[in-house]
Amino acid sequence: MRCGAERAEQESGVVMIDEGTALGEDDLALLRLLASGLPIEAVARRLELSDRTVRRRMRAMCDQLGFRTSIETVVWAARQGLV
């Protein structure tokens, strides 16, 4: 788990977390909607994606950031001031 990950400068809609790890504006939008308490189905509707795509993107973010669950990922993003 990346509790001490540092947020670098934001350029062109991409937030660099550390060397080789970045979150795009689409990833941040997904995290913001989940952080607001919306269920995956509602997030998918707002982003005009399928439920499966939202789940797959969350799994990819969890893997990229080193978290086991989407809840851990959303909490981490909130603590980093990303959402």
N, C-alpha and C. Protein backbone atom coordinates (compact mmCIF):
# COMPACT_ATOMS: atom_id res chain seq x y z
N MET A 1 0.84 -1.18 0.00
CA MET A 1 0.00 0.00 0.00
C MET A 1 0.89 1.24 0.00
N ARG A 2 0.49 2.25 -0.73
CA ARG A 2 1.30 3.45 -0.90
C ARG A 2 0.83 4.57 0.01
N CYS A 3 0.98 4.43 1.26
CA CYS A 3 0.53 5.46 2.19
C CYS A 3 1.34 6.74 2.04
N GLY A 4 2.61 6.62 1.69
CA GLY A 4 3.47 7.79 1.62
C GLY A 4 3.70 8.30 0.22
N ALA A 5 2.86 7.92 -0.73
CA ALA A 5 3.05 8.36 -2.10
C ALA A 5 2.95 9.88 -2.18
N GLU A 6 3.81 10.47 -2.99
CA GLU A 6 3.83 11.92 -3.11
C GLU A 6 3.12 12.35 -4.37
N ARG A 7 2.35 13.41 -4.25
CA ARG A 7 1.66 13.97 -5.40
C ARG A 7 2.57 15.01 -6.04
N ALA A 8 2.86 14.82 -7.30
CA ALA A 8 3.71 15.77 -8.02
C ALA A 8 2.83 16.76 -8.75
N GLU A 9 3.45 17.62 -9.54
CA GLU A 9 2.69 18.67 -10.22
C GLU A 9 1.73 18.09 -11.24
N GLN A 10 0.66 18.84 -11.47
CA GLN A 10 -0.38 18.42 -12.39
C GLN A 10 -0.15 19.10 -13.73
N GLU A 11 -0.04 18.29 -14.79
CA GLU A 11 0.17 18.82 -16.14
C GLU A 11 -0.84 18.19 -17.08
N SER A 12 -1.46 18.99 -17.89
CA SER A 12 -2.36 18.53 -18.95
C SER A 12 -3.31 17.43 -18.49
N GLY A 13 -3.93 17.60 -17.33
CA GLY A 13 -4.92 16.65 -16.87
C GLY A 13 -4.37 15.36 -16.29
N VAL A 14 -3.07 15.28 -16.09
CA VAL A 14 -2.44 14.08 -15.54
C VAL A 14 -1.78 14.43 -14.23
N VAL A 15 -2.02 13.63 -13.21
CA VAL A 15 -1.38 13.83 -11.92
C VAL A 15 -0.32 12.74 -11.75
N MET A 16 0.93 13.17 -11.64
CA MET A 16 2.02 12.22 -11.43
C MET A 16 2.07 11.88 -9.95
N ILE A 17 1.96 10.60 -9.63
CA ILE A 17 2.00 10.15 -8.25
C ILE A 17 3.44 9.92 -7.82
N ASP A 18 4.16 9.19 -8.61
CA ASP A 18 5.59 9.01 -8.44
C ASP A 18 6.14 8.60 -9.79
N GLU A 19 7.40 8.32 -9.87
CA GLU A 19 8.01 7.98 -11.15
C GLU A 19 7.34 6.74 -11.73
N GLY A 20 6.75 6.89 -12.90
CA GLY A 20 6.11 5.76 -13.57
C GLY A 20 4.66 5.54 -13.20
N THR A 21 4.11 6.33 -12.28
CA THR A 21 2.71 6.18 -11.88
C THR A 21 1.99 7.50 -12.05
N ALA A 22 0.93 7.47 -12.83
CA ALA A 22 0.16 8.69 -13.09
C ALA A 22 -1.32 8.36 -13.14
N LEU A 23 -2.14 9.32 -12.76
CA LEU A 23 -3.58 9.20 -12.88
C LEU A 23 -4.07 10.27 -13.84
N GLY A 24 -4.86 9.86 -14.81
CA GLY A 24 -5.41 10.80 -15.78
C GLY A 24 -6.67 11.46 -15.25
N GLU A 25 -7.14 12.46 -15.98
CA GLU A 25 -8.35 13.18 -15.59
C GLU A 25 -9.55 12.24 -15.53
N ASP A 26 -9.62 11.26 -16.43
CA ASP A 26 -10.72 10.28 -16.40
C ASP A 26 -10.68 9.46 -15.11
N ASP A 27 -9.47 9.06 -14.69
CA ASP A 27 -9.33 8.31 -13.43
C ASP A 27 -9.77 9.15 -12.25
N LEU A 28 -9.39 10.42 -12.25
CA LEU A 28 -9.76 11.31 -11.14
C LEU A 28 -11.26 11.55 -11.11
N ALA A 29 -11.89 11.67 -12.28
CA ALA A 29 -13.34 11.85 -12.33
C ALA A 29 -14.05 10.63 -11.74
N LEU A 30 -13.57 9.45 -12.09
CA LEU A 30 -14.14 8.22 -11.56
C LEU A 30 -13.99 8.18 -10.03
N LEU A 31 -12.80 8.51 -9.53
CA LEU A 31 -12.56 8.52 -8.09
C LEU A 31 -13.44 9.54 -7.38
N ARG A 32 -13.61 10.73 -7.98
CA ARG A 32 -14.45 11.77 -7.37
C ARG A 32 -15.90 11.30 -7.22
N LEU A 33 -16.41 10.66 -8.26
CA LEU A 33 -17.80 10.19 -8.20
C LEU A 33 -17.97 9.09 -7.16
N LEU A 34 -17.02 8.18 -7.08
CA LEU A 34 -17.09 7.14 -6.06
C LEU A 34 -16.96 7.73 -4.67
N ALA A 35 -16.08 8.73 -4.53
CA ALA A 35 -15.89 9.38 -3.23
C ALA A 35 -17.14 10.12 -2.78
N SER A 36 -17.96 10.56 -3.73
CA SER A 36 -19.19 11.27 -3.38
C SER A 36 -20.27 10.31 -2.89
N GLY A 37 -20.00 9.01 -2.97
CA GLY A 37 -20.95 8.03 -2.45
C GLY A 37 -21.82 7.36 -3.49
N LEU A 38 -21.61 7.68 -4.76
CA LEU A 38 -22.42 7.05 -5.80
C LEU A 38 -22.03 5.58 -5.98
N PRO A 39 -23.02 4.72 -6.21
CA PRO A 39 -22.70 3.32 -6.52
C PRO A 39 -22.10 3.21 -7.92
N ILE A 40 -21.45 2.11 -8.19
CA ILE A 40 -20.78 1.91 -9.48
C ILE A 40 -21.73 2.10 -10.65
N GLU A 41 -22.96 1.62 -10.52
CA GLU A 41 -23.93 1.74 -11.60
C GLU A 41 -24.21 3.20 -11.94
N ALA A 42 -24.35 4.04 -10.91
CA ALA A 42 -24.60 5.48 -11.13
C ALA A 42 -23.36 6.16 -11.72
N VAL A 43 -22.19 5.76 -11.26
CA VAL A 43 -20.94 6.31 -11.81
C VAL A 43 -20.85 5.97 -13.29
N ALA A 44 -21.16 4.73 -13.62
CA ALA A 44 -21.12 4.30 -15.02
C ALA A 44 -22.08 5.12 -15.88
N ARG A 45 -23.28 5.37 -15.38
CA ARG A 45 -24.25 6.18 -16.14
C ARG A 45 -23.73 7.61 -16.34
N ARG A 46 -23.19 8.20 -15.29
CA ARG A 46 -22.69 9.59 -15.40
C ARG A 46 -21.52 9.69 -16.38
N LEU A 47 -20.67 8.67 -16.39
CA LEU A 47 -19.50 8.70 -17.28
C LEU A 47 -19.79 8.09 -18.64
N GLU A 48 -21.04 7.64 -18.83
CA GLU A 48 -21.45 7.00 -20.07
C GLU A 48 -20.57 5.80 -20.41
N LEU A 49 -20.39 4.95 -19.39
CA LEU A 49 -19.61 3.73 -19.51
C LEU A 49 -20.46 2.56 -19.01
N SER A 50 -20.02 1.36 -19.28
CA SER A 50 -20.71 0.20 -18.72
C SER A 50 -20.23 -0.02 -17.28
N ASP A 51 -21.05 -0.73 -16.49
CA ASP A 51 -20.64 -1.07 -15.13
C ASP A 51 -19.32 -1.83 -15.14
N ARG A 52 -19.22 -2.74 -16.10
CA ARG A 52 -18.01 -3.57 -16.20
C ARG A 52 -16.77 -2.73 -16.48
N THR A 53 -16.90 -1.72 -17.32
CA THR A 53 -15.76 -0.84 -17.62
C THR A 53 -15.32 -0.08 -16.38
N VAL A 54 -16.28 0.41 -15.60
CA VAL A 54 -15.95 1.14 -14.37
C VAL A 54 -15.22 0.20 -13.40
N ARG A 55 -15.73 -1.01 -13.24
CA ARG A 55 -15.07 -1.98 -12.36
C ARG A 55 -13.66 -2.31 -12.84
N ARG A 56 -13.52 -2.49 -14.15
CA ARG A 56 -12.20 -2.81 -14.73
C ARG A 56 -11.22 -1.66 -14.53
N ARG A 57 -11.69 -0.43 -14.73
CA ARG A 57 -10.80 0.73 -14.54
C ARG A 57 -10.40 0.89 -13.08
N MET A 58 -11.35 0.63 -12.17
CA MET A 58 -11.02 0.70 -10.74
C MET A 58 -10.01 -0.37 -10.38
N ARG A 59 -10.18 -1.58 -10.89
CA ARG A 59 -9.22 -2.67 -10.62
C ARG A 59 -7.83 -2.28 -11.12
N ALA A 60 -7.78 -1.68 -12.30
CA ALA A 60 -6.49 -1.26 -12.86
C ALA A 60 -5.84 -0.19 -11.98
N MET A 61 -6.65 0.76 -11.47
CA MET A 61 -6.09 1.79 -10.57
C MET A 61 -5.60 1.17 -9.27
N CYS A 62 -6.38 0.25 -8.72
CA CYS A 62 -5.97 -0.43 -7.48
C CYS A 62 -4.62 -1.13 -7.69
N ASP A 63 -4.51 -1.85 -8.79
CA ASP A 63 -3.26 -2.56 -9.08
C ASP A 63 -2.10 -1.59 -9.29
N GLN A 64 -2.35 -0.51 -10.02
CA GLN A 64 -1.31 0.48 -10.30
C GLN A 64 -0.81 1.15 -9.02
N LEU A 65 -1.74 1.43 -8.11
CA LEU A 65 -1.38 2.15 -6.88
C LEU A 65 -1.01 1.22 -5.72
N GLY A 66 -1.26 -0.07 -5.88
CA GLY A 66 -0.87 -1.03 -4.86
C GLY A 66 -1.89 -1.25 -3.76
N PHE A 67 -3.17 -1.05 -4.08
CA PHE A 67 -4.23 -1.27 -3.11
C PHE A 67 -5.03 -2.50 -3.48
N ARG A 68 -5.66 -3.11 -2.47
CA ARG A 68 -6.44 -4.32 -2.71
C ARG A 68 -7.89 -4.02 -3.06
N THR A 69 -8.44 -2.92 -2.56
CA THR A 69 -9.86 -2.62 -2.80
C THR A 69 -10.03 -1.20 -3.33
N SER A 70 -11.19 -0.99 -3.96
CA SER A 70 -11.49 0.35 -4.47
C SER A 70 -11.71 1.33 -3.32
N ILE A 71 -12.21 0.84 -2.20
CA ILE A 71 -12.40 1.72 -1.04
C ILE A 71 -11.06 2.26 -0.56
N GLU A 72 -10.05 1.40 -0.48
CA GLU A 72 -8.71 1.87 -0.08
C GLU A 72 -8.19 2.91 -1.06
N THR A 73 -8.44 2.70 -2.34
CA THR A 73 -7.97 3.63 -3.37
C THR A 73 -8.66 4.98 -3.24
N VAL A 74 -9.97 4.98 -3.02
CA VAL A 74 -10.71 6.24 -2.86
C VAL A 74 -10.27 6.97 -1.60
N VAL A 75 -10.09 6.25 -0.50
CA VAL A 75 -9.63 6.88 0.75
C VAL A 75 -8.25 7.48 0.55
N TRP A 76 -7.35 6.76 -0.09
CA TRP A 76 -6.00 7.26 -0.36
C TRP A 76 -6.07 8.55 -1.18
N ALA A 77 -6.90 8.54 -2.26
CA ALA A 77 -7.03 9.72 -3.12
C ALA A 77 -7.56 10.92 -2.33
N ALA A 78 -8.51 10.68 -1.42
CA ALA A 78 -9.04 11.75 -0.60
C ALA A 78 -7.96 12.31 0.33
N ARG A 79 -7.18 11.45 0.92
CA ARG A 79 -6.11 11.90 1.82
C ARG A 79 -5.02 12.66 1.08
N GLN A 80 -4.84 12.34 -0.19
CA GLN A 80 -3.85 13.04 -1.00
C GLN A 80 -4.39 14.35 -1.59
N GLY A 81 -5.68 14.61 -1.37
CA GLY A 81 -6.29 15.83 -1.89
C GLY A 81 -6.61 15.76 -3.36
N LEU A 82 -6.75 14.56 -3.89
CA LEU A 82 -7.02 14.38 -5.32
C LEU A 82 -8.50 14.41 -5.64
N VAL A 83 -9.34 14.17 -4.65
CA VAL A 83 -10.79 14.15 -4.89
C VAL A 83 -11.46 15.16 -3.97
